[in-house]
Structures are given as structure tokens and as C-alpha cells.
Amino acid sequence: MKIFKVCHACDRIIGEIELDDLTSQNSDPIMDIVGNVAYALCTNCLHEMETKPRIIYH
């Protein structure tokens, strides 16, 4: 069975994956599965949300 992989933030379809791939040891633990949709972050949204440590001098 195929499941759509959709971005949490921008709702862009990232691709599709097999149900067997989700139950294997190599599955992505961050994915949320709702019905026939697996939600994750696409690379663009992940890059935009990435936080970098700020250097603060006192």
C-alpha cells in the first residue's frame, strides 16, 4: 500500500512510500502517520526552521 509523504509546514507532497518501509527498522521516527498520509518536513522548511546558536557577548 502506498502512503503519501507530505510536509507539515507547507503541505507540499514530498513523495510516496510503501507501508512496508514504515514498519522496517529504517523508518523515520519524526514522521507522523494519519490515515494514508505520513507527515514530515521537506528540506526547504527544515532549513528555514533550523536554529543556529547565537553568540552573545556581554
PDB file of N, CA and C in Angstrom:
ATOM      1  N   MET A   1       0.835  -1.165   0.000  1.00  0.00           N
ATOM      2  CA  MET A   1       0.000   0.000   0.000  1.00  0.00           C
ATOM      3  C   MET A   1       0.888   1.239   0.000  1.00  0.00           C
ATOM      4  N   LYS A   2       0.590   2.187  -0.844  1.00  0.00           N
ATOM      5  CA  LYS A   2       1.353   3.428  -0.946  1.00  0.00           C
ATOM      6  C   LYS A   2       0.766   4.468   0.001  1.00  0.00           C
ATOM      7  N   ILE A   3       1.642   5.242   0.630  1.00  0.00           N
ATOM      8  CA  ILE A   3       1.249   6.319   1.526  1.00  0.00           C
ATOM      9  C   ILE A   3       1.937   7.590   1.046  1.00  0.00           C
ATOM     10  N   PHE A   4       1.172   8.689   0.952  1.00  0.00           N
ATOM     11  CA  PHE A   4       1.750   9.967   0.563  1.00  0.00           C
ATOM     12  C   PHE A   4       2.578  10.525   1.700  1.00  0.00           C
ATOM     13  N   LYS A   5       3.707  11.136   1.363  1.00  0.00           N
ATOM     14  CA  LYS A   5       4.552  11.820   2.331  1.00  0.00           C
ATOM     15  C   LYS A   5       4.392  13.313   2.073  1.00  0.00           C
ATOM     16  N   VAL A   6       3.871  14.039   3.063  1.00  0.00           N
ATOM     17  CA  VAL A   6       3.516  15.450   2.913  1.00  0.00           C
ATOM     18  C   VAL A   6       4.264  16.266   3.962  1.00  0.00           C
ATOM     19  N   CYS A   7       4.653  17.484   3.597  1.00  0.00           N
ATOM     20  CA  CYS A   7       5.356  18.378   4.516  1.00  0.00           C
ATOM     21  C   CYS A   7       4.376  18.939   5.548  1.00  0.00           C
ATOM     22  N   HIS A   8       4.775  18.946   6.820  1.00  0.00           N
ATOM     23  CA  HIS A   8       3.958  19.512   7.902  1.00  0.00           C
ATOM     24  C   HIS A   8       3.711  20.998   7.697  1.00  0.00           C
ATOM     25  N   ALA A   9       4.729  21.731   7.278  1.00  0.00           N
ATOM     26  CA  ALA A   9       4.666  23.185   7.245  1.00  0.00           C
ATOM     27  C   ALA A   9       4.014  23.737   5.982  1.00  0.00           C
ATOM     28  N   CYS A  10       4.433  23.280   4.814  1.00  0.00           N
ATOM     29  CA  CYS A  10       3.947  23.889   3.569  1.00  0.00           C
ATOM     30  C   CYS A  10       2.947  23.015   2.813  1.00  0.00           C
ATOM     31  N   ASP A  11       2.642  21.830   3.317  1.00  0.00           N
ATOM     32  CA  ASP A  11       1.684  20.895   2.710  1.00  0.00           C
ATOM     33  C   ASP A  11       2.076  20.442   1.302  1.00  0.00           C
ATOM     34  N   ARG A  12       3.362  20.546   0.981  1.00  0.00           N
ATOM     35  CA  ARG A  12       3.845  20.071  -0.317  1.00  0.00           C
ATOM     36  C   ARG A  12       3.994  18.554  -0.267  1.00  0.00           C
ATOM     37  N   ILE A  13       3.622  17.885  -1.343  1.00  0.00           N
ATOM     38  CA  ILE A  13       3.800  16.438  -1.407  1.00  0.00           C
ATOM     39  C   ILE A  13       5.277  16.161  -1.662  1.00  0.00           C
ATOM     40  N   ILE A  14       5.901  15.469  -0.740  1.00  0.00           N
ATOM     41  CA  ILE A  14       7.326  15.160  -0.838  1.00  0.00           C
ATOM     42  C   ILE A  14       7.534  13.908  -1.675  1.00  0.00           C
ATOM     43  N   GLY A  15       6.613  12.984  -1.602  1.00  0.00           N
ATOM     44  CA  GLY A  15       6.731  11.738  -2.348  1.00  0.00           C
ATOM     45  C   GLY A  15       5.751  10.725  -1.814  1.00  0.00           C
ATOM     46  N   GLU A  16       6.012   9.483  -2.115  1.00  0.00           N
ATOM     47  CA  GLU A  16       5.188   8.408  -1.576  1.00  0.00           C
ATOM     48  C   GLU A  16       6.091   7.284  -1.120  1.00  0.00           C
ATOM     49  N   ILE A  17       5.624   6.563  -0.128  1.00  0.00           N
ATOM     50  CA  ILE A  17       6.401   5.471   0.426  1.00  0.00           C
ATOM     51  C   ILE A  17       5.509   4.258   0.596  1.00  0.00           C
ATOM     52  N   GLU A  18       6.125   3.122   0.666  1.00  0.00           N
ATOM     53  CA  GLU A  18       5.398   1.873   0.885  1.00  0.00           C
ATOM     54  C   GLU A  18       5.142   1.690   2.373  1.00  0.00           C
ATOM     55  N   LEU A  19       4.040   1.089   2.716  1.00  0.00           N
ATOM     56  CA  LEU A  19       3.718   0.809   4.104  1.00  0.00           C
ATOM     57  C   LEU A  19       4.776  -0.083   4.739  1.00  0.00           C
ATOM     58  N   ASP A  20       5.347  -0.997   3.965  1.00  0.00           N
ATOM     59  CA  ASP A  20       6.400  -1.879   4.492  1.00  0.00           C
ATOM     60  C   ASP A  20       7.636  -1.092   4.914  1.00  0.00           C
ATOM     61  N   ASP A  21       7.929   0.025   4.228  1.00  0.00           N
ATOM     62  CA  ASP A  21       9.083   0.842   4.587  1.00  0.00           C
ATOM     63  C   ASP A  21       8.887   1.527   5.935  1.00  0.00           C
ATOM     64  N   LEU A  22       7.635   1.787   6.322  1.00  0.00           N
ATOM     65  CA  LEU A  22       7.363   2.445   7.594  1.00  0.00           C
ATOM     66  C   LEU A  22       7.527   1.506   8.775  1.00  0.00           C
ATOM     67  N   THR A  23       7.319   0.220   8.538  1.00  0.00           N
ATOM     68  CA  THR A  23       7.411  -0.740   9.632  1.00  0.00           C
ATOM     69  C   THR A  23       8.798  -1.345   9.764  1.00  0.00           C
ATOM     70  N   SER A  24       9.715  -0.996   8.870  1.00  0.00           N
ATOM     71  CA  SER A  24      11.074  -1.548   8.938  1.00  0.00           C
ATOM     72  C   SER A  24      11.902  -0.786   9.972  1.00  0.00           C
ATOM     73  N   GLN A  25      13.099  -1.247  10.216  1.00  0.00           N
ATOM     74  CA  GLN A  25      13.999  -0.616  11.183  1.00  0.00           C
ATOM     75  C   GLN A  25      14.509   0.736  10.687  1.00  0.00           C
ATOM     76  N   ASN A  26      14.436   0.998   9.378  1.00  0.00           N
ATOM     77  CA  ASN A  26      14.995   2.223   8.805  1.00  0.00           C
ATOM     78  C   ASN A  26      13.969   3.353   8.708  1.00  0.00           C
ATOM     79  N   SER A  27      12.822   3.230   9.353  1.00  0.00           N
ATOM     80  CA  SER A  27      11.796   4.248   9.227  1.00  0.00           C
ATOM     81  C   SER A  27      12.211   5.521   9.956  1.00  0.00           C
ATOM     82  N   ASP A  28      11.655   6.634   9.514  1.00  0.00           N
ATOM     83  CA  ASP A  28      11.957   7.942  10.083  1.00  0.00           C
ATOM     84  C   ASP A  28      11.108   8.136  11.344  1.00  0.00           C
ATOM     85  N   PRO A  29      11.718   8.280  12.517  1.00  0.00           N
ATOM     86  CA  PRO A  29      10.929   8.384  13.751  1.00  0.00           C
ATOM     87  C   PRO A  29      10.176   9.700  13.879  1.00  0.00           C
ATOM     88  N   ILE A  30      10.510  10.700  13.071  1.00  0.00           N
ATOM     89  CA  ILE A  30       9.867  12.009  13.169  1.00  0.00           C
ATOM     90  C   ILE A  30       8.540  12.031  12.391  1.00  0.00           C
ATOM     91  N   MET A  31       8.322  11.092  11.500  1.00  0.00           N
ATOM     92  CA  MET A  31       7.110  11.074  10.685  1.00  0.00           C
ATOM     93  C   MET A  31       5.876  10.797  11.522  1.00  0.00           C
ATOM     94  N   ASP A  32       4.827  11.576  11.291  1.00  0.00           N
ATOM     95  CA  ASP A  32       3.520  11.331  11.896  1.00  0.00           C
ATOM     96  C   ASP A  32       2.628  10.724  10.826  1.00  0.00           C
ATOM     97  N   ILE A  33       1.993   9.610  11.126  1.00  0.00           N
ATOM     98  CA  ILE A  33       1.156   8.940  10.142  1.00  0.00           C
ATOM     99  C   ILE A  33      -0.301   9.115  10.532  1.00  0.00           C
ATOM    100  N   VAL A  34      -1.081   9.705   9.619  1.00  0.00           N
ATOM    101  CA  VAL A  34      -2.510   9.907   9.821  1.00  0.00           C
ATOM    102  C   VAL A  34      -3.217   9.361   8.591  1.00  0.00           C
ATOM    103  N   GLY A  35      -3.909   8.247   8.742  1.00  0.00           N
ATOM    104  CA  GLY A  35      -4.587   7.630   7.612  1.00  0.00           C
ATOM    105  C   GLY A  35      -3.602   7.178   6.561  1.00  0.00           C
ATOM    106  N   ASN A  36      -3.753   7.684   5.350  1.00  0.00           N
ATOM    107  CA  ASN A  36      -2.857   7.344   4.248  1.00  0.00           C
ATOM    108  C   ASN A  36      -1.811   8.423   3.995  1.00  0.00           C
ATOM    109  N   VAL A  37      -1.537   9.246   4.995  1.00  0.00           N
ATOM    110  CA  VAL A  37      -0.586  10.347   4.839  1.00  0.00           C
ATOM    111  C   VAL A  37       0.461  10.268   5.944  1.00  0.00           C
ATOM    112  N   ALA A  38       1.720  10.386   5.551  1.00  0.00           N
ATOM    113  CA  ALA A  38       2.836  10.451   6.501  1.00  0.00           C
ATOM    114  C   ALA A  38       3.369  11.878   6.465  1.00  0.00           C
ATOM    115  N   TYR A  39       3.274  12.577   7.585  1.00  0.00           N
ATOM    116  CA  TYR A  39       3.720  13.964   7.651  1.00  0.00           C
ATOM    117  C   TYR A  39       5.163  14.032   8.129  1.00  0.00           C
ATOM    118  N   ALA A  40       5.956  14.837   7.449  1.00  0.00           N
ATOM    119  CA  ALA A  40       7.350  15.090   7.796  1.00  0.00           C
ATOM    120  C   ALA A  40       7.669  16.511   7.327  1.00  0.00           C
ATOM    121  N   LEU A  41       8.887  16.944   7.474  1.00  0.00           N
ATOM    122  CA  LEU A  41       9.298  18.259   6.974  1.00  0.00           C
ATOM    123  C   LEU A  41      10.116  18.087   5.701  1.00  0.00           C
ATOM    124  N   CYS A  42       9.820  18.915   4.687  1.00  0.00           N
ATOM    125  CA  CYS A  42      10.637  18.887   3.477  1.00  0.00           C
ATOM    126  C   CYS A  42      11.961  19.590   3.768  1.00  0.00           C
ATOM    127  N   THR A  43      12.919  19.446   2.898  1.00  0.00           N
ATOM    128  CA  THR A  43      14.246  20.009   3.150  1.00  0.00           C
ATOM    129  C   THR A  43      14.224  21.537   3.208  1.00  0.00           C
ATOM    130  N   ASN A  44      13.371  22.184   2.404  1.00  0.00           N
ATOM    131  CA  ASN A  44      13.301  23.651   2.422  1.00  0.00           C
ATOM    132  C   ASN A  44      12.779  24.159   3.760  1.00  0.00           C
ATOM    133  N   CYS A  45      11.688  23.582   4.247  1.00  0.00           N
ATOM    134  CA  CYS A  45      11.116  24.010   5.526  1.00  0.00           C
ATOM    135  C   CYS A  45      12.043  23.649   6.680  1.00  0.00           C
ATOM    136  N   LEU A  46      12.685  22.510   6.597  1.00  0.00           N
ATOM    137  CA  LEU A  46      13.623  22.114   7.641  1.00  0.00           C
ATOM    138  C   LEU A  46      14.780  23.098   7.716  1.00  0.00           C
ATOM    139  N   HIS A  47      15.262  23.551   6.561  1.00  0.00           N
ATOM    140  CA  HIS A  47      16.365  24.514   6.529  1.00  0.00           C
ATOM    141  C   HIS A  47      15.918  25.868   7.093  1.00  0.00           C
ATOM    142  N   GLU A  48      14.683  26.297   6.765  1.00  0.00           N
ATOM    143  CA  GLU A  48      14.179  27.577   7.261  1.00  0.00           C
ATOM    144  C   GLU A  48      13.940  27.547   8.764  1.00  0.00           C
ATOM    145  N   MET A  49      13.542  26.393   9.300  1.00  0.00           N
ATOM    146  CA  MET A  49      13.252  26.291  10.721  1.00  0.00           C
ATOM    147  C   MET A  49      14.474  25.963  11.562  1.00  0.00           C
ATOM    148  N   GLU A  50      15.578  25.695  10.909  1.00  0.00           N
ATOM    149  CA  GLU A  50      16.787  25.327  11.641  1.00  0.00           C
ATOM    150  C   GLU A  50      17.273  26.508  12.465  1.00  0.00           C
ATOM    151  N   THR A  51      17.540  26.263  13.715  1.00  0.00           N
ATOM    152  CA  THR A  51      18.027  27.326  14.580  1.00  0.00           C
ATOM    153  C   THR A  51      19.544  27.215  14.693  1.00  0.00           C
ATOM    154  N   LYS A  52      20.169  28.326  14.669  1.00  0.00           N
ATOM    155  CA  LYS A  52      21.614  28.372  14.802  1.00  0.00           C
ATOM    156  C   LYS A  52      21.935  29.061  16.127  1.00  0.00           C
ATOM    157  N   PRO A  53      22.940  28.601  16.815  1.00  0.00           N
ATOM    158  CA  PRO A  53      23.275  29.243  18.089  1.00  0.00           C
ATOM    159  C   PRO A  53      23.721  30.691  17.872  1.00  0.00           C
ATOM    160  N   ARG A  54      23.203  31.548  18.705  1.00  0.00           N
ATOM    161  CA  ARG A  54      23.593  32.951  18.610  1.00  0.00           C
ATOM    162  C   ARG A  54      24.724  33.221  19.588  1.00  0.00           C
ATOM    163  N   ILE A  55      25.664  33.979  19.147  1.00  0.00           N
ATOM    164  CA  ILE A  55      26.782  34.341  20.012  1.00  0.00           C
ATOM    165  C   ILE A  55      26.434  35.674  20.686  1.00  0.00           C
ATOM    166  N   ILE A  56      26.388  35.683  21.996  1.00  0.00           N
ATOM    167  CA  ILE A  56      26.062  36.893  22.742  1.00  0.00           C
ATOM    168  C   ILE A  56      27.270  37.268  23.585  1.00  0.00           C
ATOM    169  N   TYR A  57      27.739  38.495  23.365  1.00  0.00           N
ATOM    170  CA  TYR A  57      28.859  38.990  24.138  1.00  0.00           C
ATOM    171  C   TYR A  57      28.323  39.978  25.163  1.00  0.00           C
ATOM    172  N   HIS A  58      28.746  39.842  26.399  1.00  0.00           N
ATOM    173  CA  HIS A  58      28.310  40.762  27.467  1.00  0.00           C
ATOM    174  C   HIS A  58      29.386  41.734  27.786  1.00  0.00           C
TER     175      HIS A  58
END
